[in-house]
Amino acid sequence: MSNYLRDYFKVLFIGGTGAISSSAVKEALSQGMSVSVLNRGRTSSMRPLPPEVESIVADVGDFDSVRKAIGDRHFDAVVNFLTYGTQDSKKFIEIFTGHTGHYLHISSSSVYHRPLPKTPISESTYAFNPGYGYMEGKVETEHVFLKAFEEGFPVTLIRPAHTYDDAIAPLAGSWAVIDRIEKGQPVVLQGDGTQLWTLTHASDLAVGLIGLLGRRSTFGEAFHITSNDVLSWNQIYEAIGHALGVRPNILHLTTDFIKVAEPDWFWSGLFDGDLQHSGVYDNTKIRNYVPGFNPTKVFEREIFKIIAWRKEHPQYAVPEPEELAVYDRLAAAHARAKAALRA
């Protein structure tokens, strides 16, 4: 492929080493763009930056550091994966006003109202998910950027849903869940496990994301970018068991039970505000803007790559002791409740 575009289109990624951002960097390079990445310069060997990427070193939490690193440079597009909260948003708007022709804020599909009024979810679904700190923060951040758009800032909102790559176990508990399934230990699913859920591979999402860069017609718009790979949670866990060659030992617990038993667990809030609801998306909008967006990867096959990556990188695929302990406590609480009902 000709790289003529590299002389004309310069994109800056803030982040660049996560699942989505790493895939976006690769996709931008494959489309011939000049790519820079701004982060602390501590690139993990999990997702190393390609050699043709320019590394700009700055502490994203130190806005003076970012401002100094950017200097008087101008980018055709800036994609920020690391903004959360209203104050951070206002600072980045200030820093990049006049320094980019297009700014893409990576938000989250968790902004959509729960319980959902209807499915599939479209971008017109109300962005309002009160009572859950993480979701509220995402909504408030979007409001800041939309206000800035009204004042002339060239921003587009991107709302990924549940996105993964080979180095991620996309589960409530991450590698702890796969570890327990492999050992035949009980794992927890919210409700009866029949809720429908969409999983999107980061490389598929990257095609849609990069296809939006530099396009004035996207200013002030919001896009979710997901696949059509929809499975129930039971099917997701059964696919993991199949890849491991075991039958998963699944405990179906109500969200209320989980919240009472483990009120301080990070995932308890996400069960209530997100994961207990079906997540199926209408991708008409992104397909209309990016005709080449056509996700091809499905979890029931990709899970074999995740399991292989786990075996090849045991230093990264480590179950968190806190997550293992939570599952042990939930299993014990369920056993006690079951015994009490039988007494």
C-alpha atoms as a PDB file:
ATOM      1  CA  MET A   1       0.000   0.000   0.000  1.00  0.00           C
ATOM      2  CA  SER A   2       1.200   3.482  -0.841  1.00  0.00           C
ATOM      3  CA  ASN A   3       2.102   5.581   2.177  1.00  0.00           C
ATOM      4  CA  TYR A   4       1.496   8.950   0.461  1.00  0.00           C
ATOM      5  CA  LEU A   5      -1.092   9.801   3.146  1.00  0.00           C
ATOM      6  CA  ARG A   6       1.627   9.986   5.785  1.00  0.00           C
ATOM      7  CA  ASP A   7       2.741  13.299   4.351  1.00  0.00           C
ATOM      8  CA  TYR A   8      -0.756  14.727   4.676  1.00  0.00           C
ATOM      9  CA  PHE A   9      -2.667  13.134   7.571  1.00  0.00           C
ATOM     10  CA  LYS A  10      -1.193  13.120  11.048  1.00  0.00           C
ATOM     11  CA  VAL A  11      -3.029  11.426  13.912  1.00  0.00           C
ATOM     12  CA  LEU A  12      -2.152  11.494  17.596  1.00  0.00           C
ATOM     13  CA  PHE A  13      -3.327   8.755  19.947  1.00  0.00           C
ATOM     14  CA  ILE A  14      -3.348   9.546  23.655  1.00  0.00           C
ATOM     15  CA  GLY A  15      -2.806   6.136  25.218  1.00  0.00           C
ATOM     16  CA  GLY A  16      -1.912   3.744  22.443  1.00  0.00           C
ATOM     17  CA  THR A  17      -1.097   0.527  24.302  1.00  0.00           C
ATOM     18  CA  GLY A  18      -4.515  -0.705  25.437  1.00  0.00           C
ATOM     19  CA  ALA A  19      -6.600  -3.227  23.528  1.00  0.00           C
ATOM     20  CA  ILE A  20      -8.591  -0.715  21.495  1.00  0.00           C
ATOM     21  CA  SER A  21      -5.881   1.918  21.148  1.00  0.00           C
ATOM     22  CA  SER A  22      -3.224  -0.590  20.105  1.00  0.00           C
ATOM     23  CA  SER A  23      -5.492  -1.967  17.393  1.00  0.00           C
ATOM     24  CA  ALA A  24      -6.359   1.582  16.290  1.00  0.00           C
ATOM     25  CA  VAL A  25      -2.662   2.438  15.949  1.00  0.00           C
ATOM     26  CA  LYS A  26      -2.122  -0.591  13.710  1.00  0.00           C
ATOM     27  CA  GLU A  27      -5.182   0.193  11.603  1.00  0.00           C
ATOM     28  CA  ALA A  28      -4.121   3.818  11.127  1.00  0.00           C
ATOM     29  CA  LEU A  29      -0.678   2.659   9.998  1.00  0.00           C
ATOM     30  CA  SER A  30      -2.224   0.144   7.601  1.00  0.00           C
ATOM     31  CA  GLN A  31      -4.214   3.001   6.041  1.00  0.00           C
ATOM     32  CA  GLY A  32      -1.017   4.990   5.491  1.00  0.00           C
ATOM     33  CA  MET A  33      -1.393   7.631   8.197  1.00  0.00           C
ATOM     34  CA  SER A  34       1.425   9.292  10.116  1.00  0.00           C
ATOM     35  CA  VAL A  35       0.949   8.045  13.686  1.00  0.00           C
ATOM     36  CA  SER A  36       2.128   9.521  16.979  1.00  0.00           C
ATOM     37  CA  VAL A  37       1.375   8.192  20.442  1.00  0.00           C
ATOM     38  CA  LEU A  38       1.458  10.250  23.631  1.00  0.00           C
ATOM     39  CA  ASN A  39       1.883   8.423  26.925  1.00  0.00           C
ATOM     40  CA  ARG A  40       4.435   8.015  29.695  1.00  0.00           C
ATOM     41  CA  GLY A  41       6.703   6.025  27.420  1.00  0.00           C
ATOM     42  CA  ARG A  42       6.353   2.855  29.465  1.00  0.00           C
ATOM     43  CA  THR A  43       5.167   0.656  26.621  1.00  0.00           C
ATOM     44  CA  SER A  44       4.251  -2.804  27.827  1.00  0.00           C
ATOM     45  CA  SER A  45       5.673  -5.818  26.040  1.00  0.00           C
ATOM     46  CA  MET A  46       2.078  -7.038  25.881  1.00  0.00           C
ATOM     47  CA  ARG A  47       1.320  -4.561  23.086  1.00  0.00           C
ATOM     48  CA  PRO A  48       4.554  -2.927  21.889  1.00  0.00           C
ATOM     49  CA  LEU A  49       4.319   0.078  19.589  1.00  0.00           C
ATOM     50  CA  PRO A  50       5.292  -0.560  15.953  1.00  0.00           C
ATOM     51  CA  PRO A  51       8.694   0.975  15.124  1.00  0.00           C
ATOM     52  CA  GLU A  52       7.252   3.508  12.661  1.00  0.00           C
ATOM     53  CA  VAL A  53       5.159   5.156  15.400  1.00  0.00           C
ATOM     54  CA  GLU A  54       6.456   8.401  16.912  1.00  0.00           C
ATOM     55  CA  SER A  55       6.502   8.257  20.713  1.00  0.00           C
ATOM     56  CA  ILE A  56       5.729  11.516  22.532  1.00  0.00           C
ATOM     57  CA  VAL A  57       6.471  11.190  26.235  1.00  0.00           C
ATOM     58  CA  ALA A  58       4.290  13.047  28.726  1.00  0.00           C
ATOM     59  CA  ASP A  59       2.338  12.343  31.879  1.00  0.00           C
ATOM     60  CA  VAL A  60      -1.327  12.500  30.844  1.00  0.00           C
ATOM     61  CA  GLY A  61      -2.236  13.363  34.426  1.00  0.00           C
ATOM     62  CA  ASP A  62       0.059  16.407  34.295  1.00  0.00           C
ATOM     63  CA  PHE A  63      -1.509  18.876  31.873  1.00  0.00           C
ATOM     64  CA  ASP A  64       1.524  21.153  31.824  1.00  0.00           C
ATOM     65  CA  SER A  65       3.547  18.134  30.754  1.00  0.00           C
ATOM     66  CA  VAL A  66       1.085  17.405  27.927  1.00  0.00           C
ATOM     67  CA  ARG A  67       0.975  21.055  26.833  1.00  0.00           C
ATOM     68  CA  LYS A  68       4.772  21.227  26.723  1.00  0.00           C
ATOM     69  CA  ALA A  69       5.026  17.961  24.775  1.00  0.00           C
ATOM     70  CA  ILE A  70       2.506  19.161  22.166  1.00  0.00           C
ATOM     71  CA  GLY A  71       4.091  22.598  21.817  1.00  0.00           C
ATOM     72  CA  ASP A  72       2.966  24.320  18.636  1.00  0.00           C
ATOM     73  CA  ARG A  73       2.253  21.109  16.723  1.00  0.00           C
ATOM     74  CA  HIS A  74      -0.982  20.531  14.834  1.00  0.00           C
ATOM     75  CA  PHE A  75      -2.611  17.154  14.180  1.00  0.00           C
ATOM     76  CA  ASP A  76      -5.325  16.307  11.685  1.00  0.00           C
ATOM     77  CA  ALA A  77      -6.933  14.111  14.337  1.00  0.00           C
ATOM     78  CA  VAL A  78      -6.437  13.391  18.029  1.00  0.00           C
ATOM     79  CA  VAL A  79      -7.934  10.278  19.618  1.00  0.00           C
ATOM     80  CA  ASN A  80      -7.986  10.335  23.422  1.00  0.00           C
ATOM     81  CA  PHE A  81      -8.532   7.020  25.202  1.00  0.00           C
ATOM     82  CA  LEU A  82      -7.645   8.310  28.668  1.00  0.00           C
ATOM     83  CA  THR A  83     -10.070  11.127  29.523  1.00  0.00           C
ATOM     84  CA  TYR A  84     -12.487  10.628  32.396  1.00  0.00           C
ATOM     85  CA  GLY A  85     -14.305  13.324  34.316  1.00  0.00           C
ATOM     86  CA  THR A  86     -15.310  16.889  33.622  1.00  0.00           C
ATOM     87  CA  GLN A  87     -12.101  18.584  34.765  1.00  0.00           C
ATOM     88  CA  ASP A  88      -9.889  16.349  32.623  1.00  0.00           C
ATOM     89  CA  SER A  89     -12.165  16.980  29.654  1.00  0.00           C
ATOM     90  CA  LYS A  90     -12.009  20.750  30.015  1.00  0.00           C
ATOM     91  CA  LYS A  91      -8.218  20.647  30.240  1.00  0.00           C
ATOM     92  CA  PHE A  92      -7.851  18.571  27.078  1.00  0.00           C
ATOM     93  CA  ILE A  93     -10.261  20.845  25.213  1.00  0.00           C
ATOM     94  CA  GLU A  94      -8.105  23.798  26.262  1.00  0.00           C
ATOM     95  CA  ILE A  95      -4.869  22.066  25.255  1.00  0.00           C
ATOM     96  CA  PHE A  96      -6.030  20.917  21.807  1.00  0.00           C
ATOM     97  CA  THR A  97      -8.089  23.901  20.735  1.00  0.00           C
ATOM     98  CA  GLY A  98      -6.213  25.151  17.691  1.00  0.00           C
ATOM     99  CA  HIS A  99      -3.963  22.085  17.662  1.00  0.00           C
ATOM    100  CA  THR A 100      -6.222  19.557  15.929  1.00  0.00           C
ATOM    101  CA  GLY A 101      -8.722  19.482  13.110  1.00  0.00           C
ATOM    102  CA  HIS A 102     -10.664  16.661  14.749  1.00  0.00           C
ATOM    103  CA  TYR A 103     -10.836  15.361  18.327  1.00  0.00           C
ATOM    104  CA  LEU A 104     -12.338  11.959  19.117  1.00  0.00           C
ATOM    105  CA  HIS A 105     -13.330  11.310  22.712  1.00  0.00           C
ATOM    106  CA  ILE A 106     -13.541   7.643  23.654  1.00  0.00           C
ATOM    107  CA  SER A 107     -16.595   7.293  25.860  1.00  0.00           C
ATOM    108  CA  SER A 108     -18.562   4.107  26.606  1.00  0.00           C
ATOM    109  CA  SER A 109     -21.816   2.397  25.676  1.00  0.00           C
ATOM    110  CA  SER A 110     -22.526   2.253  29.408  1.00  0.00           C
ATOM    111  CA  VAL A 111     -23.895   5.794  29.075  1.00  0.00           C
ATOM    112  CA  TYR A 112     -27.126   4.439  27.608  1.00  0.00           C
ATOM    113  CA  HIS A 113     -30.175   4.479  29.835  1.00  0.00           C
ATOM    114  CA  ARG A 114     -30.764   1.350  31.933  1.00  0.00           C
ATOM    115  CA  PRO A 115     -33.148  -0.377  31.939  1.00  0.00           C
ATOM    116  CA  LEU A 116     -33.188  -0.050  28.188  1.00  0.00           C
ATOM    117  CA  PRO A 117     -36.420   1.258  26.698  1.00  0.00           C
ATOM    118  CA  LYS A 118     -35.960  -1.004  23.666  1.00  0.00           C
ATOM    119  CA  THR A 119     -33.396  -3.048  21.784  1.00  0.00           C
ATOM    120  CA  PRO A 120     -31.366  -2.966  19.695  1.00  0.00           C
ATOM    121  CA  ILE A 121     -29.672   0.098  21.167  1.00  0.00           C
ATOM    122  CA  SER A 122     -29.182   2.998  18.765  1.00  0.00           C
ATOM    123  CA  GLU A 123     -27.320   6.261  19.256  1.00  0.00           C
ATOM    124  CA  SER A 124     -30.666   7.942  19.851  1.00  0.00           C
ATOM    125  CA  THR A 125     -31.117   5.925  23.060  1.00  0.00           C
ATOM    126  CA  TYR A 126     -30.967   8.428  25.901  1.00  0.00           C
ATOM    127  CA  ALA A 127     -27.506   8.823  27.446  1.00  0.00           C
ATOM    128  CA  PHE A 128     -28.608   8.734  31.057  1.00  0.00           C
ATOM    129  CA  ASN A 129     -27.579   6.069  33.555  1.00  0.00           C
ATOM    130  CA  PRO A 130     -27.941   7.563  37.060  1.00  0.00           C
ATOM    131  CA  GLY A 131     -27.008   5.958  40.347  1.00  0.00           C
ATOM    132  CA  TYR A 132     -23.739   4.415  39.164  1.00  0.00           C
ATOM    133  CA  GLY A 133     -20.596   6.497  39.569  1.00  0.00           C
ATOM    134  CA  TYR A 134     -18.674   5.161  36.562  1.00  0.00           C
ATOM    135  CA  MET A 135     -21.609   5.608  34.171  1.00  0.00           C
ATOM    136  CA  GLU A 136     -22.515   9.034  35.547  1.00  0.00           C
ATOM    137  CA  GLY A 137     -18.935  10.179  35.047  1.00  0.00           C
ATOM    138  CA  LYS A 138     -19.007   9.047  31.430  1.00  0.00           C
ATOM    139  CA  VAL A 139     -22.274  10.908  30.770  1.00  0.00           C
ATOM    140  CA  GLU A 140     -21.013  14.103  32.426  1.00  0.00           C
ATOM    141  CA  THR A 141     -17.825  13.934  30.370  1.00  0.00           C
ATOM    142  CA  GLU A 142     -19.841  13.670  27.146  1.00  0.00           C
ATOM    143  CA  HIS A 143     -21.845  16.754  28.176  1.00  0.00           C
ATOM    144  CA  VAL A 144     -18.635  18.762  28.518  1.00  0.00           C
ATOM    145  CA  PHE A 145     -17.508  17.812  25.012  1.00  0.00           C
ATOM    146  CA  LEU A 146     -20.907  18.490  23.451  1.00  0.00           C
ATOM    147  CA  LYS A 147     -20.922  21.927  25.067  1.00  0.00           C
ATOM    148  CA  ALA A 148     -17.483  22.519  23.591  1.00  0.00           C
ATOM    149  CA  PHE A 149     -18.777  21.426  20.175  1.00  0.00           C
ATOM    150  CA  GLU A 150     -21.483  24.089  20.415  1.00  0.00           C
ATOM    151  CA  GLU A 151     -18.658  26.592  20.891  1.00  0.00           C
ATOM    152  CA  GLY A 152     -16.701  25.344  17.867  1.00  0.00           C
ATOM    153  CA  PHE A 153     -14.586  22.434  19.146  1.00  0.00           C
ATOM    154  CA  PRO A 154     -14.428  19.682  16.450  1.00  0.00           C
ATOM    155  CA  VAL A 155     -15.301  16.661  18.596  1.00  0.00           C
ATOM    156  CA  THR A 156     -16.843  13.262  17.906  1.00  0.00           C
ATOM    157  CA  LEU A 157     -17.979  10.869  20.651  1.00  0.00           C
ATOM    158  CA  ILE A 158     -17.092   7.181  20.354  1.00  0.00           C
ATOM    159  CA  ARG A 159     -18.917   4.634  22.529  1.00  0.00           C
ATOM    160  CA  PRO A 160     -17.248   1.212  22.547  1.00  0.00           C
ATOM    161  CA  ALA A 161     -19.132  -1.619  24.177  1.00  0.00           C
ATOM    162  CA  HIS A 162     -17.478  -4.789  25.524  1.00  0.00           C
ATOM    163  CA  THR A 163     -14.244  -4.923  23.519  1.00  0.00           C
ATOM    164  CA  TYR A 164     -11.393  -7.428  23.787  1.00  0.00           C
ATOM    165  CA  ASP A 165      -8.271  -8.756  22.127  1.00  0.00           C
ATOM    166  CA  ASP A 166      -6.102 -11.831  22.680  1.00  0.00           C
ATOM    167  CA  ALA A 167      -4.676 -10.360  25.893  1.00  0.00           C
ATOM    168  CA  ILE A 168      -8.022  -9.736  27.607  1.00  0.00           C
ATOM    169  CA  ALA A 169     -10.423 -12.081  29.348  1.00  0.00           C
ATOM    170  CA  PRO A 170     -13.644 -10.071  28.787  1.00  0.00           C
ATOM    171  CA  LEU A 171     -15.354 -11.251  31.955  1.00  0.00           C
ATOM    172  CA  ALA A 172     -16.401  -9.990  35.374  1.00  0.00           C
ATOM    173  CA  GLY A 173     -13.237 -11.064  37.153  1.00  0.00           C
ATOM    174  CA  SER A 174     -10.980 -11.355  34.106  1.00  0.00           C
ATOM    175  CA  TRP A 175      -8.393 -14.160  34.300  1.00  0.00           C
ATOM    176  CA  ALA A 176      -9.763 -15.347  37.642  1.00  0.00           C
ATOM    177  CA  VAL A 177     -12.874 -16.608  35.837  1.00  0.00           C
ATOM    178  CA  ILE A 178     -10.906 -18.598  33.266  1.00  0.00           C
ATOM    179  CA  ASP A 179      -8.660 -19.986  36.007  1.00  0.00           C
ATOM    180  CA  ARG A 180     -11.668 -21.175  38.001  1.00  0.00           C
ATOM    181  CA  ILE A 181     -13.423 -22.665  34.981  1.00  0.00           C
ATOM    182  CA  GLU A 182     -10.279 -24.609  34.130  1.00  0.00           C
ATOM    183  CA  LYS A 183     -10.076 -25.970  37.694  1.00  0.00           C
ATOM    184  CA  GLY A 184     -13.768 -26.850  37.882  1.00  0.00           C
ATOM    185  CA  GLN A 185     -14.409 -24.245  40.577  1.00  0.00           C
ATOM    186  CA  PRO A 186     -17.729 -22.380  40.641  1.00  0.00           C
ATOM    187  CA  VAL A 187     -18.041 -19.128  38.706  1.00  0.00           C
ATOM    188  CA  VAL A 188     -20.875 -16.653  39.008  1.00  0.00           C
ATOM    189  CA  LEU A 189     -23.267 -15.374  36.366  1.00  0.00           C
ATOM    190  CA  GLN A 190     -25.817 -12.682  37.029  1.00  0.00           C
ATOM    191  CA  GLY A 191     -29.427 -13.833  36.730  1.00  0.00           C
ATOM    192  CA  ASP A 192     -30.140 -16.951  34.710  1.00  0.00           C
ATOM    193  CA  GLY A 193     -27.425 -16.183  32.157  1.00  0.00           C
ATOM    194  CA  THR A 194     -29.831 -15.775  29.242  1.00  0.00           C
ATOM    195  CA  GLN A 195     -29.232 -12.027  28.792  1.00  0.00           C
ATOM    196  CA  LEU A 196     -27.844 -11.308  25.334  1.00  0.00           C
ATOM    197  CA  TRP A 197     -24.444  -9.662  25.163  1.00  0.00           C
ATOM    198  CA  THR A 198     -22.295  -8.242  22.372  1.00  0.00           C
ATOM    199  CA  LEU A 199     -18.549  -8.850  22.301  1.00  0.00           C
ATOM    200  CA  THR A 200     -16.395  -6.912  19.819  1.00  0.00           C
ATOM    201  CA  HIS A 201     -12.821  -7.647  18.864  1.00  0.00           C
ATOM    202  CA  ALA A 202     -10.628  -4.550  19.052  1.00  0.00           C
ATOM    203  CA  SER A 203      -9.285  -5.009  15.526  1.00  0.00           C
ATOM    204  CA  ASP A 204     -12.840  -4.915  14.150  1.00  0.00           C
ATOM    205  CA  LEU A 205     -13.693  -1.802  16.148  1.00  0.00           C
ATOM    206  CA  ALA A 206     -10.526  -0.105  14.897  1.00  0.00           C
ATOM    207  CA  VAL A 207     -11.772  -0.211  11.295  1.00  0.00           C
ATOM    208  CA  GLY A 208     -14.833   1.829  12.237  1.00  0.00           C
ATOM    209  CA  LEU A 209     -12.877   4.219  14.445  1.00  0.00           C
ATOM    210  CA  ILE A 210     -10.142   5.013  11.932  1.00  0.00           C
ATOM    211  CA  GLY A 211     -12.746   5.360   9.207  1.00  0.00           C
ATOM    212  CA  LEU A 212     -14.165   8.387  11.050  1.00  0.00           C
ATOM    213  CA  LEU A 213     -10.912  10.328  11.424  1.00  0.00           C
ATOM    214  CA  GLY A 214     -10.776  13.752   9.858  1.00  0.00           C
ATOM    215  CA  ARG A 215     -14.392  13.766   8.727  1.00  0.00           C
ATOM    216  CA  ARG A 216     -16.161  17.055   9.433  1.00  0.00           C
ATOM    217  CA  SER A 217     -19.565  15.418   8.981  1.00  0.00           C
ATOM    218  CA  THR A 218     -18.986  13.532  12.251  1.00  0.00           C
ATOM    219  CA  PHE A 219     -18.477  16.646  14.406  1.00  0.00           C
ATOM    220  CA  GLY A 220     -20.950  16.721  17.296  1.00  0.00           C
ATOM    221  CA  GLU A 221     -22.077  13.162  16.558  1.00  0.00           C
ATOM    222  CA  ALA A 222     -21.916  10.032  18.721  1.00  0.00           C
ATOM    223  CA  PHE A 223     -21.177   6.547  17.410  1.00  0.00           C
ATOM    224  CA  HIS A 224     -21.131   3.204  19.084  1.00  0.00           C
ATOM    225  CA  ILE A 225     -18.927   0.736  17.228  1.00  0.00           C
ATOM    226  CA  THR A 226     -19.707  -2.907  17.947  1.00  0.00           C
ATOM    227  CA  SER A 227     -19.924  -6.229  16.179  1.00  0.00           C
ATOM    228  CA  ASN A 228     -23.028  -8.325  15.640  1.00  0.00           C
ATOM    229  CA  ASP A 229     -21.502 -11.183  17.614  1.00  0.00           C
ATOM    230  CA  VAL A 230     -24.320 -11.650  20.120  1.00  0.00           C
ATOM    231  CA  LEU A 231     -24.313 -14.488  22.640  1.00  0.00           C
ATOM    232  CA  SER A 232     -26.029 -15.150  25.934  1.00  0.00           C
ATOM    233  CA  TRP A 233     -23.801 -15.084  28.991  1.00  0.00           C
ATOM    234  CA  ASN A 234     -24.355 -18.826  29.336  1.00  0.00           C
ATOM    235  CA  GLN A 235     -23.048 -19.304  25.794  1.00  0.00           C
ATOM    236  CA  ILE A 236     -20.021 -17.118  26.532  1.00  0.00           C
ATOM    237  CA  TYR A 237     -19.045 -19.207  29.548  1.00  0.00           C
ATOM    238  CA  GLU A 238     -19.788 -22.453  27.726  1.00  0.00           C
ATOM    239  CA  ALA A 239     -17.497 -21.318  24.892  1.00  0.00           C
ATOM    240  CA  ILE A 240     -14.707 -20.768  27.432  1.00  0.00           C
ATOM    241  CA  GLY A 241     -15.264 -24.228  28.865  1.00  0.00           C
ATOM    242  CA  HIS A 242     -15.250 -25.747  25.384  1.00  0.00           C
ATOM    243  CA  ALA A 243     -11.915 -24.070  24.578  1.00  0.00           C
ATOM    244  CA  LEU A 244     -10.484 -25.388  27.862  1.00  0.00           C
ATOM    245  CA  GLY A 245     -11.965 -28.852  27.386  1.00  0.00           C
ATOM    246  CA  VAL A 246     -14.087 -28.711  30.562  1.00  0.00           C
ATOM    247  CA  ARG A 247     -17.679 -28.044  31.523  1.00  0.00           C
ATOM    248  CA  PRO A 248     -18.013 -24.757  33.442  1.00  0.00           C
ATOM    249  CA  ASN A 249     -19.449 -24.930  36.954  1.00  0.00           C
ATOM    250  CA  ILE A 250     -21.813 -21.951  36.789  1.00  0.00           C
ATOM    251  CA  LEU A 251     -23.671 -20.459  39.736  1.00  0.00           C
ATOM    252  CA  HIS A 252     -26.610 -18.303  38.657  1.00  0.00           C
ATOM    253  CA  LEU A 253     -27.092 -15.617  41.289  1.00  0.00           C
ATOM    254  CA  THR A 254     -29.465 -12.692  41.248  1.00  0.00           C
ATOM    255  CA  THR A 255     -27.955  -9.245  41.029  1.00  0.00           C
ATOM    256  CA  ASP A 256     -29.577  -8.393  44.369  1.00  0.00           C
ATOM    257  CA  PHE A 257     -27.870 -11.383  45.995  1.00  0.00           C
ATOM    258  CA  ILE A 258     -24.480 -10.353  44.579  1.00  0.00           C
ATOM    259  CA  LYS A 259     -24.918  -6.752  45.757  1.00  0.00           C
ATOM    260  CA  VAL A 260     -25.822  -7.848  49.287  1.00  0.00           C
ATOM    261  CA  ALA A 261     -23.072 -10.459  49.522  1.00  0.00           C
ATOM    262  CA  GLU A 262     -20.323  -8.310  47.911  1.00  0.00           C
ATOM    263  CA  PRO A 263     -21.415  -4.655  48.068  1.00  0.00           C
ATOM    264  CA  ASP A 264     -17.857  -3.330  47.670  1.00  0.00           C
ATOM    265  CA  TRP A 265     -16.973  -5.465  44.645  1.00  0.00           C
ATOM    266  CA  PHE A 266     -16.380  -3.290  41.572  1.00  0.00           C
ATOM    267  CA  TRP A 267     -18.470  -5.576  39.392  1.00  0.00           C
ATOM    268  CA  SER A 268     -21.508  -5.437  41.691  1.00  0.00           C
ATOM    269  CA  GLY A 269     -22.330  -1.956  40.417  1.00  0.00           C
ATOM    270  CA  LEU A 270     -21.740  -2.945  36.806  1.00  0.00           C
ATOM    271  CA  PHE A 271     -24.047  -5.948  37.149  1.00  0.00           C
ATOM    272  CA  ASP A 272     -26.822  -3.680  38.351  1.00  0.00           C
ATOM    273  CA  GLY A 273     -26.214  -0.792  35.970  1.00  0.00           C
ATOM    274  CA  ASP A 274     -25.087  -2.663  32.869  1.00  0.00           C
ATOM    275  CA  LEU A 275     -24.332  -6.374  32.727  1.00  0.00           C
ATOM    276  CA  GLN A 276     -27.687  -7.703  33.938  1.00  0.00           C
ATOM    277  CA  HIS A 277     -29.342  -6.058  30.931  1.00  0.00           C
ATOM    278  CA  SER A 278     -29.107  -7.318  27.368  1.00  0.00           C
ATOM    279  CA  GLY A 279     -26.651  -5.363  25.219  1.00  0.00           C
ATOM    280  CA  VAL A 280     -27.521  -5.605  21.526  1.00  0.00           C
ATOM    281  CA  TYR A 281     -26.656  -2.700  19.213  1.00  0.00           C
ATOM    282  CA  ASP A 282     -27.917  -1.210  15.968  1.00  0.00           C
ATOM    283  CA  ASN A 283     -24.786  -0.411  13.939  1.00  0.00           C
ATOM    284  CA  THR A 284     -26.580   1.271  11.049  1.00  0.00           C
ATOM    285  CA  LYS A 285     -24.979   4.652  11.743  1.00  0.00           C
ATOM    286  CA  ILE A 286     -21.342   3.536  11.760  1.00  0.00           C
ATOM    287  CA  ARG A 287     -21.941   1.385   8.678  1.00  0.00           C
ATOM    288  CA  ASN A 288     -23.416   4.361   6.840  1.00  0.00           C
ATOM    289  CA  TYR A 289     -20.365   6.494   7.653  1.00  0.00           C
ATOM    290  CA  VAL A 290     -17.762   3.745   7.186  1.00  0.00           C
ATOM    291  CA  PRO A 291     -18.887   1.320   4.465  1.00  0.00           C
ATOM    292  CA  GLY A 292     -15.812  -0.836   5.081  1.00  0.00           C
ATOM    293  CA  PHE A 293     -16.849  -1.535   8.665  1.00  0.00           C
ATOM    294  CA  ASN A 294     -17.710  -5.238   8.618  1.00  0.00           C
ATOM    295  CA  PRO A 295     -16.719  -7.096  11.805  1.00  0.00           C
ATOM    296  CA  THR A 296     -15.591 -10.649  11.117  1.00  0.00           C
ATOM    297  CA  LYS A 297     -14.283 -11.992  14.429  1.00  0.00           C
ATOM    298  CA  VAL A 298     -16.495 -14.036  16.743  1.00  0.00           C
ATOM    299  CA  PHE A 299     -15.839 -14.900  20.370  1.00  0.00           C
ATOM    300  CA  GLU A 300     -16.500 -18.627  20.031  1.00  0.00           C
ATOM    301  CA  ARG A 301     -13.393 -18.824  17.823  1.00  0.00           C
ATOM    302  CA  GLU A 302     -11.349 -15.995  19.316  1.00  0.00           C
ATOM    303  CA  ILE A 303     -11.521 -17.573  22.787  1.00  0.00           C
ATOM    304  CA  PHE A 304      -9.101 -20.250  21.555  1.00  0.00           C
ATOM    305  CA  LYS A 305      -6.576 -17.472  20.799  1.00  0.00           C
ATOM    306  CA  ILE A 306      -7.163 -15.946  24.234  1.00  0.00           C
ATOM    307  CA  ILE A 307      -6.496 -19.313  25.886  1.00  0.00           C
ATOM    308  CA  ALA A 308      -3.355 -19.760  23.775  1.00  0.00           C
ATOM    309  CA  TRP A 309      -2.156 -16.236  24.663  1.00  0.00           C
ATOM    310  CA  ARG A 310      -2.757 -17.025  28.346  1.00  0.00           C
ATOM    311  CA  LYS A 311      -0.576 -20.115  28.084  1.00  0.00           C
ATOM    312  CA  GLU A 312       2.185 -18.228  26.273  1.00  0.00           C
ATOM    313  CA  HIS A 313       2.126 -15.217  28.621  1.00  0.00           C
ATOM    314  CA  PRO A 314       1.579 -16.555  32.143  1.00  0.00           C
ATOM    315  CA  GLN A 315       3.258 -13.472  33.609  1.00  0.00           C
ATOM    316  CA  TYR A 316       0.358 -11.311  32.367  1.00  0.00           C
ATOM    317  CA  ALA A 317      -2.602 -13.689  32.560  1.00  0.00           C
ATOM    318  CA  VAL A 318      -2.519 -13.785  36.349  1.00  0.00           C
ATOM    319  CA  PRO A 319      -5.771 -14.094  38.329  1.00  0.00           C
ATOM    320  CA  GLU A 320      -6.189 -11.269  40.828  1.00  0.00           C
ATOM    321  CA  PRO A 321      -6.250 -12.706  44.384  1.00  0.00           C
ATOM    322  CA  GLU A 322      -9.073 -10.297  45.265  1.00  0.00           C
ATOM    323  CA  GLU A 323     -11.211 -11.617  42.408  1.00  0.00           C
ATOM    324  CA  LEU A 324     -10.556 -15.240  43.379  1.00  0.00           C
ATOM    325  CA  ALA A 325     -11.523 -14.405  46.969  1.00  0.00           C
ATOM    326  CA  VAL A 326     -14.771 -12.756  45.874  1.00  0.00           C
ATOM    327  CA  TYR A 327     -15.790 -15.834  43.912  1.00  0.00           C
ATOM    328  CA  ASP A 328     -14.939 -18.060  46.867  1.00  0.00           C
ATOM    329  CA  ARG A 329     -17.092 -15.918  49.157  1.00  0.00           C
ATOM    330  CA  LEU A 330     -19.998 -15.819  46.713  1.00  0.00           C
ATOM    331  CA  ALA A 331     -19.887 -19.599  46.315  1.00  0.00           C
ATOM    332  CA  ALA A 332     -19.833 -20.020  50.099  1.00  0.00           C
ATOM    333  CA  ALA A 333     -22.699 -17.540  50.560  1.00  0.00           C
ATOM    334  CA  HIS A 334     -24.745 -19.396  47.963  1.00  0.00           C
ATOM    335  CA  ALA A 335     -24.070 -22.712  49.694  1.00  0.00           C
ATOM    336  CA  ARG A 336     -25.185 -21.261  53.038  1.00  0.00           C
ATOM    337  CA  ALA A 337     -28.351 -19.806  51.538  1.00  0.00           C
ATOM    338  CA  LYS A 338     -29.143 -23.113  49.856  1.00  0.00           C
ATOM    339  CA  ALA A 339     -28.619 -25.024  53.104  1.00  0.00           C
ATOM    340  CA  ALA A 340     -30.816 -22.555  54.996  1.00  0.00           C
ATOM    341  CA  LEU A 341     -33.657 -23.027  52.509  1.00  0.00           C
ATOM    342  CA  ARG A 342     -33.447 -26.781  52.902  1.00  0.00           C
ATOM    343  CA  ALA A 343     -33.387 -26.640  56.716  1.00  0.00           C
END
